[in-house]
PDB file of N, CA and C in Angstrom:
ATOM      1  N   VAL A   1      -0.114  10.885   6.035  1.00  0.00           N
ATOM      2  CA  VAL A   1       0.348   9.594   5.568  1.00  0.00           C
ATOM      3  C   VAL A   1       1.864   9.618   5.497  1.00  0.00           C
ATOM      4  N   ARG A   2       2.475   8.613   6.089  1.00  0.00           N
ATOM      5  CA  ARG A   2       3.941   8.485   6.060  1.00  0.00           C
ATOM      6  C   ARG A   2       4.286   7.061   5.629  1.00  0.00           C
ATOM      7  N   PRO A   3       5.167   6.920   4.642  1.00  0.00           N
ATOM      8  CA  PRO A   3       5.639   5.587   4.282  1.00  0.00           C
ATOM      9  C   PRO A   3       6.497   5.035   5.416  1.00  0.00           C
ATOM     10  N   SER A   4       6.305   3.786   5.787  1.00  0.00           N
ATOM     11  CA  SER A   4       7.080   3.226   6.893  1.00  0.00           C
ATOM     12  C   SER A   4       8.536   3.026   6.509  1.00  0.00           C
ATOM     13  N   ASP A   5       8.836   3.035   5.219  1.00  0.00           N
ATOM     14  CA  ASP A   5      10.209   2.818   4.782  1.00  0.00           C
ATOM     15  C   ASP A   5      11.114   4.017   5.036  1.00  0.00           C
ATOM     16  N   ASP A   6      10.573   5.240   5.069  1.00  0.00           N
ATOM     17  CA  ASP A   6      11.459   6.393   5.217  1.00  0.00           C
ATOM     18  C   ASP A   6      10.974   7.444   6.217  1.00  0.00           C
ATOM     19  N   ASP A   7       9.832   7.245   6.857  1.00  0.00           N
ATOM     20  CA  ASP A   7       9.329   8.130   7.913  1.00  0.00           C
ATOM     21  C   ASP A   7       9.168   9.584   7.465  1.00  0.00           C
ATOM     22  N   GLU A   8       8.998   9.823   6.175  1.00  0.00           N
ATOM     23  CA  GLU A   8       8.839  11.171   5.654  1.00  0.00           C
ATOM     24  C   GLU A   8       7.376  11.375   5.272  1.00  0.00           C
ATOM     25  N   LYS A   9       6.804  12.504   5.623  1.00  0.00           N
ATOM     26  CA  LYS A   9       5.406  12.765   5.304  1.00  0.00           C
ATOM     27  C   LYS A   9       5.197  12.768   3.798  1.00  0.00           C
ATOM     28  N   ALA A  10       4.188  12.015   3.357  1.00  0.00           N
ATOM     29  CA  ALA A  10       3.885  11.944   1.925  1.00  0.00           C
ATOM     30  C   ALA A  10       2.635  12.736   1.575  1.00  0.00           C
ATOM     31  N   GLY A  11       1.695  12.833   2.503  1.00  0.00           N
ATOM     32  CA  GLY A  11       0.459  13.547   2.221  1.00  0.00           C
ATOM     33  C   GLY A  11      -0.513  13.438   3.368  1.00  0.00           C
ATOM     34  N   LYS A  12      -1.735  13.885   3.122  1.00  0.00           N
ATOM     35  CA  LYS A  12      -2.772  13.912   4.141  1.00  0.00           C
ATOM     36  C   LYS A  12      -3.990  13.152   3.627  1.00  0.00           C
ATOM     37  N   VAL A  13      -4.576  12.310   4.490  1.00  0.00           N
ATOM     38  CA  VAL A  13      -5.793  11.595   4.097  1.00  0.00           C
ATOM     39  C   VAL A  13      -6.900  12.620   3.910  1.00  0.00           C
ATOM     40  N   ASN A  14      -7.444  12.649   2.700  1.00  0.00           N
ATOM     41  CA  ASN A  14      -8.478  13.602   2.333  1.00  0.00           C
ATOM     42  C   ASN A  14      -9.864  12.987   2.474  1.00  0.00           C
ATOM     43  N   ASP A  15      -9.975  11.691   2.136  1.00  0.00           N
ATOM     44  CA  ASP A  15     -11.278  11.031   2.131  1.00  0.00           C
ATOM     45  C   ASP A  15     -11.058   9.528   2.126  1.00  0.00           C
ATOM     46  N   LEU A  16     -12.142   8.788   2.277  1.00  0.00           N
ATOM     47  CA  LEU A  16     -12.119   7.336   2.180  1.00  0.00           C
ATOM     48  C   LEU A  16     -12.927   6.934   0.957  1.00  0.00           C
ATOM     49  N   VAL A  17     -12.453   5.934   0.238  1.00  0.00           N
ATOM     50  CA  VAL A  17     -13.191   5.401  -0.911  1.00  0.00           C
ATOM     51  C   VAL A  17     -13.731   4.046  -0.469  1.00  0.00           C
ATOM     52  N   CYS A  18     -15.058   3.913  -0.491  1.00  0.00           N
ATOM     53  CA  CYS A  18     -15.726   2.718   0.029  1.00  0.00           C
ATOM     54  C   CYS A  18     -16.390   1.918  -1.087  1.00  0.00           C
ATOM     55  N   THR A  19     -16.614   0.640  -0.805  1.00  0.00           N
ATOM     56  CA  THR A  19     -17.365  -0.210  -1.718  1.00  0.00           C
ATOM     57  C   THR A  19     -18.845   0.120  -1.576  1.00  0.00           C
ATOM     58  N   SER A  20     -19.660  -0.445  -2.442  1.00  0.00           N
ATOM     59  CA  SER A  20     -21.101  -0.162  -2.399  1.00  0.00           C
ATOM     60  C   SER A  20     -21.742  -0.642  -1.106  1.00  0.00           C
ATOM     61  N   ASP A  21     -21.108  -1.614  -0.421  1.00  0.00           N
ATOM     62  CA  ASP A  21     -21.668  -2.075   0.851  1.00  0.00           C
ATOM     63  C   ASP A  21     -21.033  -1.393   2.059  1.00  0.00           C
ATOM     64  N   GLY A  22     -20.236  -0.328   1.823  1.00  0.00           N
ATOM     65  CA  GLY A  22     -19.733   0.495   2.907  1.00  0.00           C
ATOM     66  C   GLY A  22     -18.370   0.125   3.461  1.00  0.00           C
ATOM     67  N   ARG A  23     -17.708  -0.867   2.889  1.00  0.00           N
ATOM     68  CA  ARG A  23     -16.373  -1.230   3.371  1.00  0.00           C
ATOM     69  C   ARG A  23     -15.335  -0.270   2.787  1.00  0.00           C
ATOM     70  N   ILE A  24     -14.389   0.144   3.623  1.00  0.00           N
ATOM     71  CA  ILE A  24     -13.332   1.041   3.154  1.00  0.00           C
ATOM     72  C   ILE A  24     -12.395   0.257   2.241  1.00  0.00           C
ATOM     73  N   ARG A  25     -12.144   0.796   1.056  1.00  0.00           N
ATOM     74  CA  ARG A  25     -11.297   0.122   0.062  1.00  0.00           C
ATOM     75  C   ARG A  25      -9.973   0.857  -0.139  1.00  0.00           C
ATOM     76  N   TYR A  26     -10.037   2.202  -0.202  1.00  0.00           N
ATOM     77  CA  TYR A  26      -8.850   3.004  -0.459  1.00  0.00           C
ATOM     78  C   TYR A  26      -8.844   4.261   0.411  1.00  0.00           C
ATOM     79  N   LEU A  27      -7.658   4.814   0.596  1.00  0.00           N
ATOM     80  CA  LEU A  27      -7.500   6.132   1.194  1.00  0.00           C
ATOM     81  C   LEU A  27      -7.259   7.118   0.063  1.00  0.00           C
ATOM     82  N   ASP A  28      -8.016   8.193   0.024  1.00  0.00           N
ATOM     83  CA  ASP A  28      -7.798   9.288  -0.923  1.00  0.00           C
ATOM     84  C   ASP A  28      -6.800  10.219  -0.240  1.00  0.00           C
ATOM     85  N   VAL A  29      -5.585  10.297  -0.789  1.00  0.00           N
ATOM     86  CA  VAL A  29      -4.499  11.034  -0.148  1.00  0.00           C
ATOM     87  C   VAL A  29      -4.165  12.284  -0.951  1.00  0.00           C
ATOM     88  N   ASP A  30      -4.206  13.414  -0.266  1.00  0.00           N
ATOM     89  CA  ASP A  30      -3.825  14.703  -0.845  1.00  0.00           C
ATOM     90  C   ASP A  30      -2.316  14.845  -0.699  1.00  0.00           C
ATOM     91  N   LEU A  31      -1.602  14.884  -1.829  1.00  0.00           N
ATOM     92  CA  LEU A  31      -0.150  15.006  -1.792  1.00  0.00           C
ATOM     93  C   LEU A  31       0.307  16.445  -1.671  1.00  0.00           C
ATOM     94  N   GLY A  32      -0.630  17.362  -1.634  1.00  0.00           N
ATOM     95  CA  GLY A  32      -0.288  18.767  -1.477  1.00  0.00           C
ATOM     96  C   GLY A  32       0.171  19.371  -2.790  1.00  0.00           C
ATOM     97  N   GLY A  33       0.955  20.368  -2.681  1.00  0.00           N
ATOM     98  CA  GLY A  33       1.444  21.068  -3.869  1.00  0.00           C
ATOM     99  C   GLY A  33       0.671  22.353  -4.073  1.00  0.00           C
ATOM    100  N   PHE A  34       1.351  23.461  -3.981  1.00  0.00           N
ATOM    101  CA  PHE A  34       0.696  24.760  -4.108  1.00  0.00           C
ATOM    102  C   PHE A  34       0.294  25.041  -5.553  1.00  0.00           C
ATOM    103  N   PHE A  35       1.194  24.782  -6.485  1.00  0.00           N
ATOM    104  CA  PHE A  35       0.916  25.071  -7.889  1.00  0.00           C
ATOM    105  C   PHE A  35       0.349  23.877  -8.642  1.00  0.00           C
ATOM    106  N   ASN A  36       0.584  22.679  -8.132  1.00  0.00           N
ATOM    107  CA  ASN A  36       0.121  21.469  -8.812  1.00  0.00           C
ATOM    108  C   ASN A  36      -0.453  20.494  -7.788  1.00  0.00           C
ATOM    109  N   PRO A  37      -1.585  20.844  -7.150  1.00  0.00           N
ATOM    110  CA  PRO A  37      -2.163  19.933  -6.155  1.00  0.00           C
ATOM    111  C   PRO A  37      -2.642  18.651  -6.819  1.00  0.00           C
ATOM    112  N   ARG A  38      -2.458  17.538  -6.116  1.00  0.00           N
ATOM    113  CA  ARG A  38      -2.936  16.274  -6.672  1.00  0.00           C
ATOM    114  C   ARG A  38      -3.256  15.278  -5.575  1.00  0.00           C
ATOM    115  N   ASN A  39      -4.105  14.324  -5.930  1.00  0.00           N
ATOM    116  CA  ASN A  39      -4.509  13.262  -5.022  1.00  0.00           C
ATOM    117  C   ASN A  39      -4.198  11.920  -5.667  1.00  0.00           C
ATOM    118  N   VAL A  40      -3.948  10.920  -4.824  1.00  0.00           N
ATOM    119  CA  VAL A  40      -3.777   9.536  -5.256  1.00  0.00           C
ATOM    120  C   VAL A  40      -4.589   8.667  -4.316  1.00  0.00           C
ATOM    121  N   VAL A  41      -4.807   7.419  -4.699  1.00  0.00           N
ATOM    122  CA  VAL A  41      -5.465   6.478  -3.789  1.00  0.00           C
ATOM    123  C   VAL A  41      -4.475   5.400  -3.393  1.00  0.00           C
ATOM    124  N   LEU A  42      -4.546   5.022  -2.114  1.00  0.00           N
ATOM    125  CA  LEU A  42      -3.714   3.958  -1.562  1.00  0.00           C
ATOM    126  C   LEU A  42      -4.616   2.878  -1.000  1.00  0.00           C
ATOM    127  N   PRO A  43      -4.292   1.611  -1.229  1.00  0.00           N
ATOM    128  CA  PRO A  43      -5.133   0.531  -0.706  1.00  0.00           C
ATOM    129  C   PRO A  43      -5.141   0.525   0.818  1.00  0.00           C
ATOM    130  N   ILE A  44      -6.306   0.321   1.385  1.00  0.00           N
ATOM    131  CA  ILE A  44      -6.457   0.330   2.838  1.00  0.00           C
ATOM    132  C   ILE A  44      -5.619  -0.779   3.476  1.00  0.00           C
ATOM    133  N   GLY A  45      -5.367  -1.861   2.746  1.00  0.00           N
ATOM    134  CA  GLY A  45      -4.571  -2.968   3.276  1.00  0.00           C
ATOM    135  C   GLY A  45      -3.131  -2.604   3.548  1.00  0.00           C
ATOM    136  N   ALA A  46      -2.634  -1.536   2.945  1.00  0.00           N
ATOM    137  CA  ALA A  46      -1.254  -1.097   3.162  1.00  0.00           C
ATOM    138  C   ALA A  46      -1.145  -0.112   4.315  1.00  0.00           C
ATOM    139  N   ALA A  47      -2.282   0.246   4.920  1.00  0.00           N
ATOM    140  CA  ALA A  47      -2.303   1.294   5.942  1.00  0.00           C
ATOM    141  C   ALA A  47      -2.290   0.720   7.352  1.00  0.00           C
ATOM    142  N   GLN A  48      -1.532   1.381   8.220  1.00  0.00           N
ATOM    143  CA  GLN A  48      -1.530   1.088   9.646  1.00  0.00           C
ATOM    144  C   GLN A  48      -1.763   2.412  10.367  1.00  0.00           C
ATOM    145  N   VAL A  49      -2.820   2.460  11.169  1.00  0.00           N
ATOM    146  CA  VAL A  49      -3.197   3.701  11.848  1.00  0.00           C
ATOM    147  C   VAL A  49      -2.489   3.801  13.197  1.00  0.00           C
ATOM    148  N   ASP A  50      -1.867   4.937  13.439  1.00  0.00           N
ATOM    149  CA  ASP A  50      -1.231   5.265  14.712  1.00  0.00           C
ATOM    150  C   ASP A  50      -2.037   6.416  15.299  1.00  0.00           C
ATOM    151  N   ARG A  51      -3.082   6.084  16.037  1.00  0.00           N
ATOM    152  CA  ARG A  51      -3.995   7.107  16.572  1.00  0.00           C
ATOM    153  C   ARG A  51      -3.310   8.029  17.570  1.00  0.00           C
ATOM    154  N   ALA A  52      -2.378   7.503  18.336  1.00  0.00           N
ATOM    155  CA  ALA A  52      -1.703   8.315  19.350  1.00  0.00           C
ATOM    156  C   ALA A  52      -0.929   9.471  18.717  1.00  0.00           C
ATOM    157  N   ASN A  53      -0.379   9.244  17.526  1.00  0.00           N
ATOM    158  CA  ASN A  53       0.413  10.273  16.860  1.00  0.00           C
ATOM    159  C   ASN A  53      -0.299  10.885  15.659  1.00  0.00           C
ATOM    160  N   ASP A  54      -1.568  10.482  15.425  1.00  0.00           N
ATOM    161  CA  ASP A  54      -2.373  11.005  14.319  1.00  0.00           C
ATOM    162  C   ASP A  54      -1.666  10.823  12.980  1.00  0.00           C
ATOM    163  N   VAL A  55      -1.181   9.580  12.753  1.00  0.00           N
ATOM    164  CA  VAL A  55      -0.434   9.248  11.542  1.00  0.00           C
ATOM    165  C   VAL A  55      -0.980   7.960  10.949  1.00  0.00           C
ATOM    166  N   VAL A  56      -1.008   7.909   9.620  1.00  0.00           N
ATOM    167  CA  VAL A  56      -1.290   6.663   8.915  1.00  0.00           C
ATOM    168  C   VAL A  56       0.009   6.249   8.245  1.00  0.00           C
ATOM    169  N   TRP A  57       0.520   5.073   8.611  1.00  0.00           N
ATOM    170  CA  TRP A  57       1.746   4.549   8.021  1.00  0.00           C
ATOM    171  C   TRP A  57       1.378   3.680   6.829  1.00  0.00           C
ATOM    172  N   ILE A  58       2.106   3.808   5.748  1.00  0.00           N
ATOM    173  CA  ILE A  58       1.905   2.991   4.563  1.00  0.00           C
ATOM    174  C   ILE A  58       3.089   2.042   4.457  1.00  0.00           C
ATOM    175  N   THR A  59       2.812   0.747   4.496  1.00  0.00           N
ATOM    176  CA  THR A  59       3.882  -0.236   4.467  1.00  0.00           C
ATOM    177  C   THR A  59       4.246  -0.609   3.032  1.00  0.00           C
ATOM    178  N   GLY A  60       5.524  -0.858   2.837  1.00  0.00           N
ATOM    179  CA  GLY A  60       6.006  -1.359   1.559  1.00  0.00           C
ATOM    180  C   GLY A  60       6.129  -0.335   0.453  1.00  0.00           C
ATOM    181  N   MET A  61       6.017   0.954   0.759  1.00  0.00           N
ATOM    182  CA  MET A  61       6.144   1.993  -0.256  1.00  0.00           C
ATOM    183  C   MET A  61       6.994   3.142   0.273  1.00  0.00           C
ATOM    184  N   THR A  62       7.742   3.765  -0.625  1.00  0.00           N
ATOM    185  CA  THR A  62       8.495   4.959  -0.283  1.00  0.00           C
ATOM    186  C   THR A  62       7.686   6.179  -0.701  1.00  0.00           C
ATOM    187  N   LYS A  63       8.128   7.344  -0.275  1.00  0.00           N
ATOM    188  CA  LYS A  63       7.460   8.591  -0.664  1.00  0.00           C
ATOM    189  C   LYS A  63       7.479   8.740  -2.183  1.00  0.00           C
ATOM    190  N   GLU A  64       8.590   8.375  -2.810  1.00  0.00           N
ATOM    191  CA  GLU A  64       8.703   8.489  -4.269  1.00  0.00           C
ATOM    192  C   GLU A  64       7.714   7.563  -4.979  1.00  0.00           C
ATOM    193  N   GLN A  65       7.513   6.351  -4.449  1.00  0.00           N
ATOM    194  CA  GLN A  65       6.552   5.427  -5.047  1.00  0.00           C
ATOM    195  C   GLN A  65       5.126   5.959  -4.920  1.00  0.00           C
ATOM    196  N   ILE A  66       4.816   6.571  -3.786  1.00  0.00           N
ATOM    197  CA  ILE A  66       3.479   7.142  -3.598  1.00  0.00           C
ATOM    198  C   ILE A  66       3.269   8.296  -4.578  1.00  0.00           C
ATOM    199  N   LYS A  67       4.276   9.147  -4.717  1.00  0.00           N
ATOM    200  CA  LYS A  67       4.172  10.273  -5.651  1.00  0.00           C
ATOM    201  C   LYS A  67       4.056   9.815  -7.101  1.00  0.00           C
ATOM    202  N   ALA A  68       4.564   8.635  -7.418  1.00  0.00           N
ATOM    203  CA  ALA A  68       4.524   8.119  -8.787  1.00  0.00           C
ATOM    204  C   ALA A  68       3.181   7.492  -9.153  1.00  0.00           C
ATOM    205  N   LEU A  69       2.280   7.347  -8.174  1.00  0.00           N
ATOM    206  CA  LEU A  69       0.957   6.778  -8.454  1.00  0.00           C
ATOM    207  C   LEU A  69       0.160   7.712  -9.364  1.00  0.00           C
ATOM    208  N   PRO A  70      -0.766   7.146 -10.135  1.00  0.00           N
ATOM    209  CA  PRO A  70      -1.588   8.003 -11.003  1.00  0.00           C
ATOM    210  C   PRO A  70      -2.491   8.926 -10.192  1.00  0.00           C
ATOM    211  N   ASP A  71      -2.808  10.065 -10.756  1.00  0.00           N
ATOM    212  CA  ASP A  71      -3.711  11.022 -10.117  1.00  0.00           C
ATOM    213  C   ASP A  71      -5.089  10.411  -9.918  1.00  0.00           C
ATOM    214  N   TYR A  72      -5.724  10.779  -8.822  1.00  0.00           N
ATOM    215  CA  TYR A  72      -7.093  10.362  -8.527  1.00  0.00           C
ATOM    216  C   TYR A  72      -7.975  11.602  -8.602  1.00  0.00           C
ATOM    217  N   ASP A  73      -9.008  11.527  -9.427  1.00  0.00           N
ATOM    218  CA  ASP A  73      -9.872  12.696  -9.647  1.00  0.00           C
ATOM    219  C   ASP A  73     -11.162  12.667  -8.839  1.00  0.00           C
ATOM    220  N   GLY A  74     -11.294  11.697  -7.945  1.00  0.00           N
ATOM    221  CA  GLY A  74     -12.486  11.626  -7.121  1.00  0.00           C
ATOM    222  C   GLY A  74     -13.540  10.676  -7.640  1.00  0.00           C
ATOM    223  N   ASP A  75     -13.317  10.070  -8.797  1.00  0.00           N
ATOM    224  CA  ASP A  75     -14.265   9.124  -9.378  1.00  0.00           C
ATOM    225  C   ASP A  75     -13.812   7.704  -9.028  1.00  0.00           C
ATOM    226  N   PRO A  76     -14.536   7.003  -8.144  1.00  0.00           N
ATOM    227  CA  PRO A  76     -14.081   5.698  -7.701  1.00  0.00           C
ATOM    228  C   PRO A  76     -14.243   4.573  -8.724  1.00  0.00           C
ATOM    229  N   THR A  77     -14.811   4.843  -9.881  1.00  0.00           N
ATOM    230  CA  THR A  77     -14.994   3.746 -10.842  1.00  0.00           C
ATOM    231  C   THR A  77     -13.794   3.531 -11.711  1.00  0.00           C
TER     232      THR A  77
END
């Protein structure tokens, strides 16, 4: 995942969070971190997939804004 505002890698898509009817709602993004690993969720509407370069661009957010999101523990409720 790379924010389109600064072209700097923010994390890696770990999983998809779907609605009960199977529609993708969020991207579960692993921000990495050796000593403090953490995940956040990003709305699918902010994502643009670049399949040729294997990148998901996030529009309207910087790397710092993504890092400031609350931790996601894997519970979609």
